[in-house]
Amino acid sequence: MAERKSVNKYYPPDWEPSKGSINKFIGHHPLRDRAKKLDQGILIIRFEMPFNIWCGGCDAMIATGTTSFC
C-alpha cells in the first residue's frame, strides 16, 4: 500500500510543467499546514516521546507517544 502512495499523484488537466510545480499551481506550500507561520520564521515540528519522562518545569509526567506537551 505504501508503495502506491508515491506513485499516485493527481495532475489537473490544465496543469503543464511550464507552469511550475503542482504545489505552486494549486497555491499550496509543500509542507501544507506545518508552514502556516513560515513567514514569521515558525515551522511546526511534531514528535512523540519515546519513553515516559517527568517535566522539569511543572513535574507532570509526559507519557510515551504524547505529542502535546505542558
PDB file of N, CA and C in Angstrom:
ATOM      1  N   MET A   1       0.816  -1.187   0.000  1.00  0.00           N
ATOM      2  CA  MET A   1       0.000   0.000   0.000  1.00  0.00           C
ATOM      3  C   MET A   1       0.865   1.258   0.000  1.00  0.00           C
ATOM      4  N   ALA A   2       1.933   1.253   0.787  1.00  0.00           N
ATOM      5  CA  ALA A   2       2.776   2.448   0.878  1.00  0.00           C
ATOM      6  C   ALA A   2       3.484   2.742  -0.444  1.00  0.00           C
ATOM      7  N   GLU A   3       3.787   1.711  -1.205  1.00  0.00           N
ATOM      8  CA  GLU A   3       4.476   1.957  -2.471  1.00  0.00           C
ATOM      9  C   GLU A   3       3.582   2.684  -3.475  1.00  0.00           C
ATOM     10  N   ARG A   4       2.265   2.524  -3.351  1.00  0.00           N
ATOM     11  CA  ARG A   4       1.353   3.209  -4.265  1.00  0.00           C
ATOM     12  C   ARG A   4       1.188   4.682  -3.924  1.00  0.00           C
ATOM     13  N   LYS A   5       1.437   5.051  -2.674  1.00  0.00           N
ATOM     14  CA  LYS A   5       1.265   6.446  -2.279  1.00  0.00           C
ATOM     15  C   LYS A   5       2.194   7.362  -3.062  1.00  0.00           C
ATOM     16  N   SER A   6       3.399   6.913  -3.323  1.00  0.00           N
ATOM     17  CA  SER A   6       4.340   7.764  -4.039  1.00  0.00           C
ATOM     18  C   SER A   6       4.065   7.792  -5.543  1.00  0.00           C
ATOM     19  N   VAL A   7       3.356   6.815  -6.053  1.00  0.00           N
ATOM     20  CA  VAL A   7       3.090   6.729  -7.481  1.00  0.00           C
ATOM     21  C   VAL A   7       1.825   7.497  -7.862  1.00  0.00           C
ATOM     22  N   ASN A   8       0.802   7.441  -7.016  1.00  0.00           N
ATOM     23  CA  ASN A   8      -0.482   8.057  -7.336  1.00  0.00           C
ATOM     24  C   ASN A   8      -0.449   9.552  -7.064  1.00  0.00           C
ATOM     25  N   LYS A   9      -0.274  10.326  -8.082  1.00  0.00           N
ATOM     26  CA  LYS A   9      -0.299  11.783  -7.977  1.00  0.00           C
ATOM     27  C   LYS A   9      -1.354  12.298  -8.945  1.00  0.00           C
ATOM     28  N   TYR A  10      -2.137  13.263  -8.497  1.00  0.00           N
ATOM     29  CA  TYR A  10      -3.163  13.832  -9.356  1.00  0.00           C
ATOM     30  C   TYR A  10      -2.605  15.068 -10.045  1.00  0.00           C
ATOM     31  N   TYR A  11      -2.671  15.091 -11.338  1.00  0.00           N
ATOM     32  CA  TYR A  11      -2.257  16.240 -12.129  1.00  0.00           C
ATOM     33  C   TYR A  11      -3.499  16.826 -12.790  1.00  0.00           C
ATOM     34  N   PRO A  12      -3.885  18.058 -12.436  1.00  0.00           N
ATOM     35  CA  PRO A  12      -5.063  18.663 -13.049  1.00  0.00           C
ATOM     36  C   PRO A  12      -4.910  18.755 -14.569  1.00  0.00           C
ATOM     37  N   PRO A  13      -6.002  18.667 -15.311  1.00  0.00           N
ATOM     38  CA  PRO A  13      -5.926  18.688 -16.771  1.00  0.00           C
ATOM     39  C   PRO A  13      -5.312  19.968 -17.336  1.00  0.00           C
ATOM     40  N   ASP A  14      -5.479  21.098 -16.653  1.00  0.00           N
ATOM     41  CA  ASP A  14      -4.943  22.355 -17.183  1.00  0.00           C
ATOM     42  C   ASP A  14      -3.533  22.664 -16.686  1.00  0.00           C
ATOM     43  N   TRP A  15      -2.889  21.730 -15.965  1.00  0.00           N
ATOM     44  CA  TRP A  15      -1.522  21.935 -15.485  1.00  0.00           C
ATOM     45  C   TRP A  15      -0.524  21.499 -16.548  1.00  0.00           C
ATOM     46  N   GLU A  16       0.522  22.278 -16.709  1.00  0.00           N
ATOM     47  CA  GLU A  16       1.626  21.947 -17.606  1.00  0.00           C
ATOM     48  C   GLU A  16       2.922  22.142 -16.838  1.00  0.00           C
ATOM     49  N   PRO A  17       3.960  21.366 -17.124  1.00  0.00           N
ATOM     50  CA  PRO A  17       5.233  21.534 -16.423  1.00  0.00           C
ATOM     51  C   PRO A  17       5.807  22.948 -16.541  1.00  0.00           C
ATOM     52  N   SER A  18       5.468  23.656 -17.601  1.00  0.00           N
ATOM     53  CA  SER A  18       5.984  25.017 -17.769  1.00  0.00           C
ATOM     54  C   SER A  18       5.399  25.989 -16.737  1.00  0.00           C
ATOM     55  N   LYS A  19       4.283  25.618 -16.090  1.00  0.00           N
ATOM     56  CA  LYS A  19       3.644  26.472 -15.080  1.00  0.00           C
ATOM     57  C   LYS A  19       4.275  26.325 -13.703  1.00  0.00           C
ATOM     58  N   GLY A  20       5.254  25.456 -13.562  1.00  0.00           N
ATOM     59  CA  GLY A  20       5.905  25.236 -12.275  1.00  0.00           C
ATOM     60  C   GLY A  20       5.398  23.967 -11.616  1.00  0.00           C
ATOM     61  N   SER A  21       5.682  23.836 -10.326  1.00  0.00           N
ATOM     62  CA  SER A  21       5.298  22.632  -9.601  1.00  0.00           C
ATOM     63  C   SER A  21       3.786  22.582  -9.378  1.00  0.00           C
ATOM     64  N   ILE A  22       3.311  21.404  -9.021  1.00  0.00           N
ATOM     65  CA  ILE A  22       1.885  21.232  -8.724  1.00  0.00           C
ATOM     66  C   ILE A  22       1.485  22.108  -7.543  1.00  0.00           C
ATOM     67  N   ASN A  23       2.330  22.142  -6.494  1.00  0.00           N
ATOM     68  CA  ASN A  23       2.016  22.947  -5.309  1.00  0.00           C
ATOM     69  C   ASN A  23       1.913  24.427  -5.659  1.00  0.00           C
ATOM     70  N   LYS A  24       2.791  24.909  -6.498  1.00  0.00           N
ATOM     71  CA  LYS A  24       2.747  26.316  -6.905  1.00  0.00           C
ATOM     72  C   LYS A  24       1.491  26.584  -7.733  1.00  0.00           C
ATOM     73  N   PHE A  25       1.136  25.655  -8.587  1.00  0.00           N
ATOM     74  CA  PHE A  25      -0.041  25.797  -9.437  1.00  0.00           C
ATOM     75  C   PHE A  25      -1.325  25.840  -8.600  1.00  0.00           C
ATOM     76  N   ILE A  26      -1.418  24.969  -7.600  1.00  0.00           N
ATOM     77  CA  ILE A  26      -2.609  24.905  -6.749  1.00  0.00           C
ATOM     78  C   ILE A  26      -2.608  26.023  -5.713  1.00  0.00           C
ATOM     79  N   GLY A  27      -1.419  26.492  -5.337  1.00  0.00           N
ATOM     80  CA  GLY A  27      -1.319  27.555  -4.341  1.00  0.00           C
ATOM     81  C   GLY A  27      -1.062  27.047  -2.935  1.00  0.00           C
ATOM     82  N   HIS A  28      -0.511  25.845  -2.811  1.00  0.00           N
ATOM     83  CA  HIS A  28      -0.187  25.268  -1.513  1.00  0.00           C
ATOM     84  C   HIS A  28       1.319  25.217  -1.326  1.00  0.00           C
ATOM     85  N   HIS A  29       1.742  25.308  -0.075  1.00  0.00           N
ATOM     86  CA  HIS A  29       3.147  25.100   0.263  1.00  0.00           C
ATOM     87  C   HIS A  29       3.367  23.592   0.369  1.00  0.00           C
ATOM     88  N   PRO A  30       4.531  23.069  -0.009  1.00  0.00           N
ATOM     89  CA  PRO A  30       4.758  21.624   0.084  1.00  0.00           C
ATOM     90  C   PRO A  30       4.599  21.066   1.504  1.00  0.00           C
ATOM     91  N   LEU A  31       4.827  21.890   2.528  1.00  0.00           N
ATOM     92  CA  LEU A  31       4.686  21.427   3.909  1.00  0.00           C
ATOM     93  C   LEU A  31       3.274  21.608   4.452  1.00  0.00           C
ATOM     94  N   ARG A  32       2.369  22.116   3.639  1.00  0.00           N
ATOM     95  CA  ARG A  32       0.949  22.293   3.954  1.00  0.00           C
ATOM     96  C   ARG A  32       0.750  23.084   5.243  1.00  0.00           C
ATOM     97  N   ASP A  33       0.018  22.512   6.219  1.00  0.00           N
ATOM     98  CA  ASP A  33      -0.346  23.237   7.439  1.00  0.00           C
ATOM     99  C   ASP A  33       0.854  23.526   8.335  1.00  0.00           C
ATOM    100  N   ARG A  34       1.921  22.740   8.190  1.00  0.00           N
ATOM    101  CA  ARG A  34       3.100  22.972   9.023  1.00  0.00           C
ATOM    102  C   ARG A  34       3.742  24.316   8.717  1.00  0.00           C
ATOM    103  N   ALA A  35       3.504  24.865   7.543  1.00  0.00           N
ATOM    104  CA  ALA A  35       4.165  26.093   7.112  1.00  0.00           C
ATOM    105  C   ALA A  35       3.265  27.323   7.209  1.00  0.00           C
ATOM    106  N   LYS A  36       2.192  27.262   8.008  1.00  0.00           N
ATOM    107  CA  LYS A  36       1.278  28.407   8.114  1.00  0.00           C
ATOM    108  C   LYS A  36       1.991  29.673   8.575  1.00  0.00           C
ATOM    109  N   LYS A  37       2.902  29.533   9.534  1.00  0.00           N
ATOM    110  CA  LYS A  37       3.586  30.689  10.107  1.00  0.00           C
ATOM    111  C   LYS A  37       5.036  30.789   9.636  1.00  0.00           C
ATOM    112  N   LEU A  38       5.322  30.228   8.478  1.00  0.00           N
ATOM    113  CA  LEU A  38       6.688  30.234   7.971  1.00  0.00           C
ATOM    114  C   LEU A  38       7.186  31.644   7.692  1.00  0.00           C
ATOM    115  N   ASP A  39       6.293  32.552   7.324  1.00  0.00           N
ATOM    116  CA  ASP A  39       6.688  33.938   7.082  1.00  0.00           C
ATOM    117  C   ASP A  39       7.140  34.629   8.368  1.00  0.00           C
ATOM    118  N   GLN A  40       6.747  34.103   9.530  1.00  0.00           N
ATOM    119  CA  GLN A  40       7.181  34.629  10.825  1.00  0.00           C
ATOM    120  C   GLN A  40       8.412  33.892  11.343  1.00  0.00           C
ATOM    121  N   GLY A  41       8.897  32.921  10.579  1.00  0.00           N
ATOM    122  CA  GLY A  41      10.056  32.138  10.991  1.00  0.00           C
ATOM    123  C   GLY A  41       9.701  30.957  11.876  1.00  0.00           C
ATOM    124  N   ILE A  42       8.424  30.555  11.879  1.00  0.00           N
ATOM    125  CA  ILE A  42       7.971  29.454  12.725  1.00  0.00           C
ATOM    126  C   ILE A  42       7.590  28.272  11.839  1.00  0.00           C
ATOM    127  N   LEU A  43       8.213  27.123  12.083  1.00  0.00           N
ATOM    128  CA  LEU A  43       7.871  25.885  11.390  1.00  0.00           C
ATOM    129  C   LEU A  43       7.411  24.887  12.441  1.00  0.00           C
ATOM    130  N   ILE A  44       6.233  24.333  12.274  1.00  0.00           N
ATOM    131  CA  ILE A  44       5.672  23.403  13.247  1.00  0.00           C
ATOM    132  C   ILE A  44       6.316  22.039  13.061  1.00  0.00           C
ATOM    133  N   ILE A  45       6.922  21.543  14.141  1.00  0.00           N
ATOM    134  CA  ILE A  45       7.540  20.222  14.144  1.00  0.00           C
ATOM    135  C   ILE A  45       6.877  19.420  15.249  1.00  0.00           C
ATOM    136  N   ARG A  46       6.362  18.258  14.915  1.00  0.00           N
ATOM    137  CA  ARG A  46       5.715  17.398  15.901  1.00  0.00           C
ATOM    138  C   ARG A  46       6.544  16.145  16.090  1.00  0.00           C
ATOM    139  N   PHE A  47       6.678  15.747  17.328  1.00  0.00           N
ATOM    140  CA  PHE A  47       7.361  14.498  17.619  1.00  0.00           C
ATOM    141  C   PHE A  47       6.734  13.875  18.855  1.00  0.00           C
ATOM    142  N   GLU A  48       6.977  12.595  19.059  1.00  0.00           N
ATOM    143  CA  GLU A  48       6.432  11.880  20.200  1.00  0.00           C
ATOM    144  C   GLU A  48       7.562  11.478  21.128  1.00  0.00           C
ATOM    145  N   MET A  49       7.236  11.372  22.407  1.00  0.00           N
ATOM    146  CA  MET A  49       8.228  10.930  23.380  1.00  0.00           C
ATOM    147  C   MET A  49       8.454   9.430  23.207  1.00  0.00           C
ATOM    148  N   PRO A  50       9.704   8.985  23.162  1.00  0.00           N
ATOM    149  CA  PRO A  50       9.971   7.550  23.002  1.00  0.00           C
ATOM    150  C   PRO A  50       9.780   6.759  24.296  1.00  0.00           C
ATOM    151  N   PHE A  51       9.723   7.457  25.435  1.00  0.00           N
ATOM    152  CA  PHE A  51       9.549   6.796  26.731  1.00  0.00           C
ATOM    153  C   PHE A  51       8.945   7.808  27.706  1.00  0.00           C
ATOM    154  N   ASN A  52       8.481   7.340  28.852  1.00  0.00           N
ATOM    155  CA  ASN A  52       7.880   8.222  29.856  1.00  0.00           C
ATOM    156  C   ASN A  52       8.953   9.102  30.496  1.00  0.00           C
ATOM    157  N   ILE A  53       8.639  10.388  30.677  1.00  0.00           N
ATOM    158  CA  ILE A  53       9.555  11.302  31.362  1.00  0.00           C
ATOM    159  C   ILE A  53       8.750  12.198  32.297  1.00  0.00           C
ATOM    160  N   TRP A  54       9.436  12.880  33.183  1.00  0.00           N
ATOM    161  CA  TRP A  54       8.820  13.872  34.064  1.00  0.00           C
ATOM    162  C   TRP A  54       9.249  15.243  33.594  1.00  0.00           C
ATOM    163  N   CYS A  55       8.305  16.169  33.504  1.00  0.00           N
ATOM    164  CA  CYS A  55       8.601  17.535  33.092  1.00  0.00           C
ATOM    165  C   CYS A  55       9.389  18.221  34.201  1.00  0.00           C
ATOM    166  N   GLY A  56      10.479  18.866  33.837  1.00  0.00           N
ATOM    167  CA  GLY A  56      11.295  19.567  34.816  1.00  0.00           C
ATOM    168  C   GLY A  56      10.679  20.874  35.268  1.00  0.00           C
ATOM    169  N   GLY A  57       9.747  21.418  34.503  1.00  0.00           N
ATOM    170  CA  GLY A  57       9.129  22.696  34.836  1.00  0.00           C
ATOM    171  C   GLY A  57       7.924  22.584  35.745  1.00  0.00           C
ATOM    172  N   CYS A  58       7.047  21.602  35.466  1.00  0.00           N
ATOM    173  CA  CYS A  58       5.799  21.519  36.246  1.00  0.00           C
ATOM    174  C   CYS A  58       5.635  20.175  36.942  1.00  0.00           C
ATOM    175  N   ASP A  59       6.617  19.298  36.859  1.00  0.00           N
ATOM    176  CA  ASP A  59       6.602  17.972  37.497  1.00  0.00           C
ATOM    177  C   ASP A  59       5.454  17.086  37.023  1.00  0.00           C
ATOM    178  N   ALA A  60       4.952  17.317  35.826  1.00  0.00           N
ATOM    179  CA  ALA A  60       3.921  16.446  35.253  1.00  0.00           C
ATOM    180  C   ALA A  60       4.600  15.329  34.470  1.00  0.00           C
ATOM    181  N   MET A  61       3.953  14.145  34.445  1.00  0.00           N
ATOM    182  CA  MET A  61       4.507  13.043  33.676  1.00  0.00           C
ATOM    183  C   MET A  61       4.080  13.180  32.216  1.00  0.00           C
ATOM    184  N   ILE A  62       5.024  13.023  31.308  1.00  0.00           N
ATOM    185  CA  ILE A  62       4.747  13.033  29.876  1.00  0.00           C
ATOM    186  C   ILE A  62       4.906  11.596  29.402  1.00  0.00           C
ATOM    187  N   ALA A  63       3.820  10.987  28.939  1.00  0.00           N
ATOM    188  CA  ALA A  63       3.798   9.568  28.606  1.00  0.00           C
ATOM    189  C   ALA A  63       4.373   9.293  27.220  1.00  0.00           C
ATOM    190  N   THR A  64       4.689   8.041  26.991  1.00  0.00           N
ATOM    191  CA  THR A  64       5.167   7.590  25.690  1.00  0.00           C
ATOM    192  C   THR A  64       4.117   7.871  24.622  1.00  0.00           C
ATOM    193  N   GLY A  65       4.536   8.403  23.488  1.00  0.00           N
ATOM    194  CA  GLY A  65       3.625   8.660  22.378  1.00  0.00           C
ATOM    195  C   GLY A  65       2.852   9.955  22.477  1.00  0.00           C
ATOM    196  N   THR A  66       3.077  10.744  23.514  1.00  0.00           N
ATOM    197  CA  THR A  66       2.376  12.012  23.678  1.00  0.00           C
ATOM    198  C   THR A  66       2.952  13.047  22.714  1.00  0.00           C
ATOM    199  N   THR A  67       2.077  13.768  22.029  1.00  0.00           N
ATOM    200  CA  THR A  67       2.558  14.772  21.077  1.00  0.00           C
ATOM    201  C   THR A  67       2.389  16.194  21.571  1.00  0.00           C
ATOM    202  N   SER A  68       1.550  16.431  22.572  1.00  0.00           N
ATOM    203  CA  SER A  68       1.392  17.787  23.095  1.00  0.00           C
ATOM    204  C   SER A  68       1.995  17.845  24.490  1.00  0.00           C
ATOM    205  N   PHE A  69       2.737  18.892  24.744  1.00  0.00           N
ATOM    206  CA  PHE A  69       3.471  18.989  25.995  1.00  0.00           C
ATOM    207  C   PHE A  69       2.968  20.145  26.832  1.00  0.00           C
ATOM    208  N   CYS A  70       3.333  20.137  28.126  1.00  0.00           N
ATOM    209  CA  CYS A  70       2.911  21.194  29.054  1.00  0.00           C
ATOM    210  C   CYS A  70       3.770  22.436  28.917  1.00  0.00           C
TER     211      CYS A  70
END
